[in-house]
Amino acid sequence: MGLKDLLKREFSFISGNYRVLIISWVIMDVAMEMPVPYYQQYVQALGGTGLGLGIIGMAQFLAMAAVAIPGGFLADKYGRRWLITTMTFGMALSYLFFALAPSWEFVLLGTVILSLCLIYQPALFAMVQDSLPPERRGVGSSLIQTIHGTFNTPGPIIGGLLIVALRLVPGMRIVYTIMLVLFLIAALSRLKLKETIVNSEPMRFRYFISKYPEAIRESLSVWKYVPRSTLWLFIVQVMVMFSSALTNVMNAVYARDVLGIPQDQWFIVYIPMLITMVIVSFPIGKMVDRFGPKIPLSLGPVALVSSLALFINGDLFTIMISMCALGLVHMFVMTSAMTLTASLVEPQNRGKVRGCVNFLGYAFTGVGMLLGNFLYNLYPQLPFYVTMSLALPMALIIIFRVHEPKKGSTRY
């Protein structure tokens, strides 16, 4: 079999909605990481000192939590396409607040609007799983991470060079303007998506409020029907999101003020992390398809502890290695969790299950960001130690409570 035939066999599943989403992610990912290295410094430069970063972080994830459950319910009840396309346009326009912000409160407002638009996330997750054949879920999920990593990689370099050349605030304004343009292009490309849920009644804006009580009831009742492993996997994902928030909210400030990493060099540490994610994504996806998701999922807590142990007293080089390990955490957990959830949960419940995961995960992430900011002000290393202590219960739950479907079955 020639290389062309091999590639065709391996990637023949890239078609239809999955291909449209991949194209839109490529466009969005070019800009997605551009502001990340200097976001914390940007907020501080606009007056967001003290608990400003923690307040923005908490508001961001509480807003995402508030729309997670109705997002999952609406995706399963009325369809995926309308939510995905409409809210992608909303996300694009939210970056106006970041680009034009005269003070950190406008960043807070833009963050809340952006987060509310992420009501489409359960629909996006469900559409991806609807579009992938069961035998390609591991590779399909890892390919998404490959695309994110590949096209995110230039972002920190471009953003970092713009900010170094134009200075912090003007450079960040240009970065957010670029994001606005690229997200609008991605939103236009998503108009080509085809609906995967057949429903005679179209989506309406009033459902966002009027259907909220029904969404809560149905999203909670779904846990009566899914396997118990889904619940334990849910708990692990929430713990990972909470523990990551404790350190991510202040890691750039910690590196600058405690470790002495020059501000104009910080963007460099993101490059090896993103490259690592590109390199390992396909092998991890193949590992999941061949051996099951539990082994790579179990490696997530190990990589998390390794990453933080290197970061806490690191120099520029060891922080780069630390960020590579952090990229492995993301790849191990995300690829495994997506694949295992798709295997355990039936299509008509995937949006609701994902909505519940996002709801509690985002709520705990918001609290984790505020708590991480508070702990940092008490003792800068404290968020790192607390996060490392959470890795053990994560590992124990994965080993003893999370189980894969039996061979030859898509679920228990």
Protein backbone atom coordinates (compact mmCIF):
# COMPACT_ATOMS: atom_id res chain seq x y z
CA MET A 1 0.00 0.00 0.00
CA GLY A 2 1.46 3.38 -1.04
CA LEU A 3 1.70 6.44 1.16
CA LYS A 4 -1.18 8.10 -0.70
CA ASP A 5 -3.47 5.12 -0.12
CA LEU A 6 -2.43 4.91 3.53
CA LEU A 7 -3.20 8.58 4.15
CA LYS A 8 -6.51 8.24 2.30
CA ARG A 9 -7.50 5.29 4.48
CA GLU A 10 -6.46 6.97 7.73
CA PHE A 11 -8.11 10.33 7.04
CA SER A 12 -11.09 9.47 4.83
CA PHE A 13 -13.39 10.48 7.70
CA ILE A 14 -12.49 14.17 7.21
CA SER A 15 -15.56 15.29 5.31
CA GLY A 16 -18.85 17.16 5.72
CA ASN A 17 -19.37 19.03 8.97
CA TYR A 18 -16.11 17.77 10.43
CA ARG A 19 -14.17 19.31 7.53
CA VAL A 20 -16.06 22.62 7.83
CA LEU A 21 -15.26 22.77 11.55
CA ILE A 22 -11.60 21.99 10.91
CA ILE A 23 -11.36 24.86 8.41
CA SER A 24 -12.98 27.28 10.88
CA TRP A 25 -10.65 26.14 13.67
CA VAL A 26 -7.62 26.72 11.45
CA ILE A 27 -8.75 30.32 10.89
CA MET A 28 -9.57 30.95 14.56
CA ASP A 29 -6.48 29.23 15.92
CA VAL A 30 -4.12 31.49 14.01
CA ALA A 31 -5.23 34.31 16.34
CA MET A 32 -6.39 32.43 19.45
CA GLU A 33 -3.05 32.34 21.31
CA MET A 34 -1.78 35.75 20.22
CA PRO A 35 -2.91 37.67 23.34
CA VAL A 36 -2.38 34.86 25.86
CA PRO A 37 1.24 35.48 26.96
CA TYR A 38 0.58 39.15 27.81
CA TYR A 39 -3.09 39.09 28.77
CA GLN A 40 -2.39 39.32 32.51
CA GLN A 41 -0.01 42.24 32.04
CA TYR A 42 -2.54 43.96 29.73
CA VAL A 43 -5.26 43.81 32.37
CA GLN A 44 -2.84 45.19 34.98
CA ALA A 45 -1.78 47.99 32.61
CA LEU A 46 -5.46 48.98 32.28
CA GLY A 47 -5.75 49.26 36.07
CA GLY A 48 -6.75 45.69 36.95
CA THR A 49 -4.37 45.32 39.86
CA GLY A 50 -5.07 43.47 43.10
CA LEU A 51 -7.92 41.03 42.56
CA GLY A 52 -8.77 42.35 39.08
CA LEU A 53 -7.50 39.26 37.28
CA GLY A 54 -9.30 37.00 39.73
CA ILE A 55 -12.56 38.91 39.29
CA ILE A 56 -12.36 38.69 35.49
CA GLY A 57 -11.49 35.00 35.66
CA MET A 58 -14.34 34.23 38.00
CA ALA A 59 -16.84 36.25 35.93
CA GLN A 60 -15.67 34.53 32.75
CA PHE A 61 -16.24 31.02 33.99
CA LEU A 62 -19.39 31.75 35.98
CA ALA A 63 -20.92 33.19 32.79
CA MET A 64 -19.83 30.09 30.87
CA ALA A 65 -21.31 27.92 33.61
CA ALA A 66 -24.62 29.80 33.47
CA VAL A 67 -25.14 28.93 29.79
CA ALA A 68 -23.60 25.45 29.78
CA ILE A 69 -26.71 23.48 30.76
CA PRO A 70 -29.18 25.33 28.47
CA GLY A 71 -26.55 25.06 25.73
CA GLY A 72 -26.52 21.28 26.02
CA PHE A 73 -30.30 21.04 26.26
CA LEU A 74 -30.92 23.31 23.27
CA ALA A 75 -28.32 21.45 21.20
CA ASP A 76 -30.05 18.12 21.77
CA LYS A 77 -33.60 19.49 21.56
CA TYR A 78 -33.50 21.96 18.66
CA GLY A 79 -30.22 21.27 16.87
CA ARG A 80 -26.56 22.16 16.75
CA ARG A 81 -26.06 24.39 13.70
CA TRP A 82 -27.97 27.52 14.76
CA LEU A 83 -26.14 27.76 18.08
CA ILE A 84 -22.71 27.22 16.52
CA THR A 85 -23.06 29.72 13.68
CA THR A 86 -24.86 32.51 15.56
CA MET A 87 -22.64 32.42 18.61
CA THR A 88 -19.43 32.38 16.57
CA PHE A 89 -20.46 35.78 15.19
CA GLY A 90 -21.16 36.93 18.75
CA MET A 91 -17.71 35.80 19.89
CA ALA A 92 -16.08 37.76 17.07
CA LEU A 93 -17.85 41.00 17.97
CA SER A 94 -16.98 40.63 21.67
CA TYR A 95 -13.32 41.30 20.85
CA LEU A 96 -14.22 44.95 20.18
CA PHE A 97 -14.39 45.43 23.95
CA PHE A 98 -10.88 44.02 24.37
CA ALA A 99 -9.41 46.07 21.52
CA LEU A 100 -10.96 49.41 22.56
CA ALA A 101 -10.93 49.00 26.35
CA PRO A 102 -10.04 52.25 28.18
CA SER A 103 -9.97 50.38 31.50
CA TRP A 104 -9.96 46.83 32.82
CA GLU A 105 -13.74 46.94 33.44
CA PHE A 106 -14.28 46.91 29.66
CA VAL A 107 -12.15 43.76 29.44
CA LEU A 108 -14.45 42.32 32.12
CA LEU A 109 -17.54 43.23 30.05
CA GLY A 110 -16.06 41.77 26.87
CA THR A 111 -15.10 38.63 28.75
CA VAL A 112 -18.67 38.12 30.01
CA ILE A 113 -20.15 38.61 26.51
CA LEU A 114 -17.60 36.22 25.00
CA SER A 115 -18.32 33.65 27.71
CA LEU A 116 -22.09 33.82 27.22
CA CYS A 117 -21.59 33.17 23.49
CA LEU A 118 -19.86 29.92 24.43
CA ILE A 119 -23.33 28.49 25.03
CA TYR A 120 -22.57 26.77 21.71
CA GLN A 121 -19.81 24.55 23.13
CA PRO A 122 -22.00 21.50 23.90
CA ALA A 123 -23.46 21.78 20.39
CA LEU A 124 -19.95 21.91 18.93
CA PHE A 125 -18.83 18.87 20.94
CA ALA A 126 -21.96 16.95 19.96
CA MET A 127 -21.64 17.82 16.26
CA VAL A 128 -18.04 16.60 16.21
CA GLN A 129 -19.03 13.28 17.79
CA ASP A 130 -22.06 12.98 15.48
CA SER A 131 -19.71 13.35 12.51
CA LEU A 132 -17.01 10.85 13.51
CA PRO A 133 -17.24 7.06 12.94
CA PRO A 134 -16.79 5.14 16.24
CA GLU A 135 -13.54 3.52 15.11
CA ARG A 136 -11.99 6.94 14.39
CA ARG A 137 -13.02 8.86 17.53
CA GLY A 138 -9.58 8.74 19.12
CA VAL A 139 -7.78 9.90 15.99
CA GLY A 140 -10.53 12.41 15.19
CA SER A 141 -10.34 13.91 18.68
CA SER A 142 -6.55 14.04 18.63
CA LEU A 143 -6.58 15.58 15.15
CA ILE A 144 -8.55 18.48 16.59
CA GLN A 145 -5.80 18.98 19.16
CA THR A 146 -3.18 18.71 16.39
CA ILE A 147 -4.89 21.48 14.46
CA HIS A 148 -5.19 23.65 17.55
CA GLY A 149 -1.54 23.11 18.41
CA THR A 150 -0.24 23.61 14.85
CA PHE A 151 -2.10 26.80 14.11
CA ASN A 152 -1.85 28.16 17.66
CA THR A 153 1.95 27.91 17.55
CA PRO A 154 2.60 31.07 15.49
CA GLY A 155 0.20 33.07 17.68
CA PRO A 156 2.47 33.73 20.69
CA ILE A 157 5.34 34.59 18.35
CA ILE A 158 3.29 37.05 16.28
CA GLY A 159 1.61 38.54 19.34
CA GLY A 160 4.87 38.72 21.28
CA LEU A 161 6.71 40.47 18.43
CA LEU A 162 3.87 42.96 17.95
CA ILE A 163 3.82 43.78 21.65
CA VAL A 164 7.60 44.10 21.91
CA ALA A 165 7.64 46.38 18.83
CA LEU A 166 4.56 48.51 19.66
CA ARG A 167 4.65 48.31 23.48
CA LEU A 168 2.17 46.44 25.65
CA VAL A 169 -1.16 48.30 25.33
CA PRO A 170 -0.99 49.37 21.64
CA GLY A 171 0.28 45.93 20.66
CA MET A 172 -2.53 44.16 22.49
CA ARG A 173 -5.11 46.40 20.80
CA ILE A 174 -3.78 45.39 17.39
CA VAL A 175 -3.81 41.72 18.45
CA TYR A 176 -7.48 41.85 19.47
CA THR A 177 -8.39 43.63 16.22
CA ILE A 178 -6.79 40.79 14.27
CA MET A 179 -8.81 38.32 16.36
CA LEU A 180 -12.03 40.16 15.53
CA VAL A 181 -11.38 39.92 11.78
CA LEU A 182 -10.35 36.25 11.78
CA PHE A 183 -13.27 35.16 13.96
CA LEU A 184 -15.69 36.89 11.58
CA ILE A 185 -14.16 34.95 8.68
CA ALA A 186 -14.51 31.70 10.66
CA ALA A 187 -18.14 32.51 11.48
CA LEU A 188 -18.88 32.96 7.77
CA SER A 189 -17.27 29.59 6.99
CA ARG A 190 -19.48 27.87 9.59
CA LEU A 191 -22.61 28.89 7.67
CA LYS A 192 -21.87 25.80 5.53
CA LEU A 193 -22.58 23.42 8.43
CA LYS A 194 -25.46 20.93 8.07
CA GLU A 195 -27.77 20.11 10.95
CA THR A 196 -27.34 16.66 12.55
CA ILE A 197 -30.47 16.68 14.74
CA VAL A 198 -33.83 16.50 12.95
CA ASN A 199 -36.43 18.75 14.57
CA SER A 200 -39.41 20.45 13.01
CA GLU A 201 -39.33 23.42 15.39
CA PRO A 202 -36.58 26.01 14.77
CA MET A 203 -34.43 27.56 17.49
CA ARG A 204 -35.67 30.89 18.88
CA PHE A 205 -33.94 33.45 21.09
CA ARG A 206 -36.69 33.30 23.71
CA TYR A 207 -35.81 29.66 24.41
CA PHE A 208 -32.58 30.82 26.08
CA ILE A 209 -34.70 31.96 29.03
CA SER A 210 -38.06 30.22 28.70
CA LYS A 211 -36.50 26.75 28.39
CA TYR A 212 -34.04 27.19 31.25
CA PRO A 213 -36.07 25.28 33.90
CA GLU A 214 -36.76 22.44 31.47
CA ALA A 215 -33.08 22.37 30.52
CA ILE A 216 -32.08 21.99 34.17
CA ARG A 217 -34.56 19.14 34.73
CA GLU A 218 -33.59 17.18 31.64
CA SER A 219 -29.86 17.71 32.10
CA LEU A 220 -30.01 16.42 35.66
CA SER A 221 -32.25 13.48 34.77
CA VAL A 222 -29.84 12.29 32.06
CA TRP A 223 -27.51 10.99 34.77
CA LYS A 224 -30.06 8.29 35.58
CA TYR A 225 -29.46 6.70 32.18
CA VAL A 226 -25.75 7.06 31.48
CA PRO A 227 -23.19 4.57 32.87
CA ARG A 228 -21.68 5.30 36.29
CA SER A 229 -18.24 5.69 34.70
CA THR A 230 -19.55 8.79 32.92
CA LEU A 231 -20.20 10.43 36.30
CA TRP A 232 -16.70 9.64 37.60
CA LEU A 233 -15.17 10.89 34.35
CA PHE A 234 -17.22 14.03 34.82
CA ILE A 235 -15.71 14.51 38.30
CA VAL A 236 -12.17 14.06 36.96
CA GLN A 237 -12.69 16.66 34.24
CA VAL A 238 -14.04 19.17 36.77
CA MET A 239 -11.06 18.55 39.07
CA VAL A 240 -8.61 19.09 36.20
CA MET A 241 -10.30 22.38 35.24
CA PHE A 242 -10.35 23.63 38.84
CA SER A 243 -6.73 22.69 39.56
CA SER A 244 -5.51 24.28 36.32
CA ALA A 245 -7.30 27.52 37.15
CA LEU A 246 -5.50 27.83 40.49
CA THR A 247 -2.15 28.32 38.75
CA ASN A 248 -3.04 29.62 35.29
CA VAL A 249 -4.59 32.83 36.60
CA MET A 250 -1.23 34.15 37.87
CA ASN A 251 1.48 32.06 36.22
CA ALA A 252 2.75 34.88 33.98
CA VAL A 253 2.86 37.33 36.88
CA TYR A 254 4.57 34.70 39.07
CA ALA A 255 7.19 34.09 36.38
CA ARG A 256 7.90 37.81 36.07
CA ASP A 257 7.81 38.88 39.73
CA VAL A 258 9.03 35.76 41.57
CA LEU A 259 11.20 33.88 39.07
CA GLY A 260 12.57 36.97 37.34
CA ILE A 261 11.63 35.98 33.79
CA PRO A 262 11.82 39.16 31.63
CA GLN A 263 8.41 40.23 30.37
CA ASP A 264 9.61 40.45 26.77
CA GLN A 265 10.70 36.78 26.89
CA TRP A 266 7.56 35.26 28.40
CA PHE A 267 5.84 34.58 25.08
CA ILE A 268 8.67 32.20 24.15
CA VAL A 269 7.60 29.58 26.73
CA TYR A 270 4.35 28.88 24.85
CA ILE A 271 6.11 27.81 21.66
CA PRO A 272 7.53 24.43 22.85
CA MET A 273 4.23 23.60 24.56
CA LEU A 274 2.25 24.06 21.36
CA ILE A 275 4.85 22.18 19.30
CA THR A 276 4.71 19.31 21.80
CA MET A 277 0.93 19.13 21.46
CA VAL A 278 1.27 18.90 17.68
CA ILE A 279 3.87 16.13 17.86
CA VAL A 280 2.08 13.91 20.39
CA SER A 281 -1.54 14.44 19.33
CA PHE A 282 -1.70 11.79 16.60
CA PRO A 283 0.24 9.11 18.58
CA ILE A 284 -2.02 9.71 21.59
CA GLY A 285 -5.10 9.42 19.39
CA LYS A 286 -3.83 6.13 17.96
CA MET A 287 -3.05 4.93 21.49
CA VAL A 288 -6.63 5.69 22.54
CA ASP A 289 -8.11 3.84 19.55
CA ARG A 290 -5.79 0.85 19.96
CA PHE A 291 -5.51 0.39 23.74
CA GLY A 292 -8.47 2.39 25.05
CA PRO A 293 -8.68 5.83 26.70
CA LYS A 294 -7.97 4.80 30.31
CA ILE A 295 -4.17 4.50 30.03
CA PRO A 296 -3.57 7.99 28.57
CA LEU A 297 -6.20 9.42 30.91
CA SER A 298 -4.26 7.98 33.88
CA LEU A 299 -1.10 9.73 32.69
CA GLY A 300 -2.73 13.16 32.98
CA PRO A 301 -2.24 13.64 36.76
CA VAL A 302 1.37 12.41 36.49
CA ALA A 303 2.13 14.99 33.80
CA LEU A 304 0.39 17.70 35.87
CA VAL A 305 2.59 17.13 38.93
CA SER A 306 5.72 16.98 36.77
CA SER A 307 4.81 20.26 35.10
CA LEU A 308 4.25 22.18 38.32
CA ALA A 309 7.34 20.73 40.02
CA LEU A 310 9.46 22.10 37.17
CA PHE A 311 7.68 25.47 37.06
CA ILE A 312 7.66 26.44 40.71
CA ASN A 313 11.40 27.23 41.00
CA GLY A 314 12.29 27.24 37.32
CA ASP A 315 14.32 29.37 34.98
CA LEU A 316 13.37 30.11 31.37
CA PHE A 317 14.55 26.70 30.12
CA THR A 318 12.87 24.59 32.81
CA ILE A 319 9.66 26.58 32.42
CA MET A 320 9.68 25.67 28.73
CA ILE A 321 9.91 22.00 29.72
CA SER A 322 7.18 22.55 32.29
CA MET A 323 4.88 24.00 29.64
CA CYS A 324 5.55 20.98 27.41
CA ALA A 325 4.38 18.72 30.26
CA LEU A 326 1.33 20.95 30.69
CA GLY A 327 0.54 20.42 27.01
CA LEU A 328 0.69 16.66 27.62
CA VAL A 329 -1.86 17.03 30.44
CA HIS A 330 -4.25 18.70 28.02
CA MET A 331 -3.70 16.07 25.32
CA PHE A 332 -4.02 13.05 27.64
CA VAL A 333 -7.16 14.27 29.37
CA MET A 334 -9.01 15.94 26.47
CA THR A 335 -8.49 13.21 23.87
CA SER A 336 -9.30 10.41 26.33
CA ALA A 337 -12.32 12.13 27.86
CA MET A 338 -13.86 13.03 24.49
CA THR A 339 -13.44 9.49 23.19
CA LEU A 340 -14.70 7.78 26.34
CA THR A 341 -17.73 10.08 26.66
CA ALA A 342 -18.72 9.42 23.05
CA SER A 343 -18.48 5.67 23.68
CA LEU A 344 -20.54 5.77 26.87
CA VAL A 345 -23.24 8.33 25.99
CA GLU A 346 -25.90 8.00 23.30
CA PRO A 347 -26.12 10.79 20.66
CA GLN A 348 -29.37 12.27 21.98
CA ASN A 349 -27.78 12.85 25.40
CA ARG A 350 -24.29 14.04 24.42
CA GLY A 351 -25.17 17.74 24.44
CA LYS A 352 -26.78 17.53 27.90
CA VAL A 353 -23.90 15.55 29.39
CA ARG A 354 -21.39 18.01 27.95
CA GLY A 355 -23.49 20.89 29.24
CA CYS A 356 -23.33 19.48 32.77
CA VAL A 357 -19.58 18.97 32.53
CA ASN A 358 -19.13 22.54 31.34
CA PHE A 359 -21.51 23.95 33.95
CA LEU A 360 -19.77 22.54 36.99
CA GLY A 361 -16.32 22.71 35.40
CA TYR A 362 -16.66 26.39 34.55
CA ALA A 363 -18.15 27.22 37.94
CA PHE A 364 -15.21 25.57 39.69
CA THR A 365 -12.77 27.17 37.26
CA GLY A 366 -14.15 30.60 38.10
CA VAL A 367 -13.84 29.92 41.82
CA GLY A 368 -10.38 28.46 41.19
CA MET A 369 -9.22 31.63 39.45
CA LEU A 370 -10.38 33.87 42.29
CA LEU A 371 -8.94 31.45 44.87
CA GLY A 372 -5.66 31.16 42.96
CA ASN A 373 -5.32 34.95 42.88
CA PHE A 374 -6.06 35.11 46.62
CA LEU A 375 -3.62 32.31 47.49
CA TYR A 376 -0.92 33.95 45.36
CA ASN A 377 -1.25 37.16 47.37
CA LEU A 378 -0.90 35.15 50.59
CA TYR A 379 2.11 33.12 49.43
CA PRO A 380 3.10 32.97 45.75
CA GLN A 381 3.89 29.23 45.70
CA LEU A 382 0.67 28.20 47.46
CA PRO A 383 -1.52 27.77 44.31
CA PHE A 384 1.07 25.36 42.90
CA TYR A 385 1.21 23.23 46.05
CA VAL A 386 -2.59 23.02 46.30
CA THR A 387 -2.84 21.97 42.64
CA MET A 388 -0.19 19.26 43.05
CA SER A 389 -2.07 17.86 46.06
CA LEU A 390 -5.20 17.35 43.93
CA ALA A 391 -3.40 15.04 41.47
CA LEU A 392 -3.55 12.02 43.81
CA PRO A 393 -7.36 11.88 44.18
CA MET A 394 -7.65 12.41 40.40
CA ALA A 395 -5.41 9.41 39.74
CA LEU A 396 -7.26 7.19 42.24
CA ILE A 397 -10.65 7.98 40.67
CA ILE A 398 -9.34 7.20 37.19
CA ILE A 399 -7.76 3.91 38.24
CA PHE A 400 -10.57 2.53 40.39
CA ARG A 401 -13.79 4.22 39.20
CA VAL A 402 -13.52 5.02 35.50
CA HIS A 403 -14.06 1.97 33.27
CA GLU A 404 -14.06 1.56 29.50
CA PRO A 405 -16.93 -0.03 27.56
CA LYS A 406 -16.62 -3.74 26.95
CA LYS A 407 -15.04 -4.87 23.69
CA GLY A 408 -17.50 -4.98 20.84
CA SER A 409 -19.84 -2.51 22.52
CA THR A 410 -20.10 1.26 22.18
CA ARG A 411 -21.28 1.63 25.76
CA TYR A 412 -22.17 -0.35 28.92
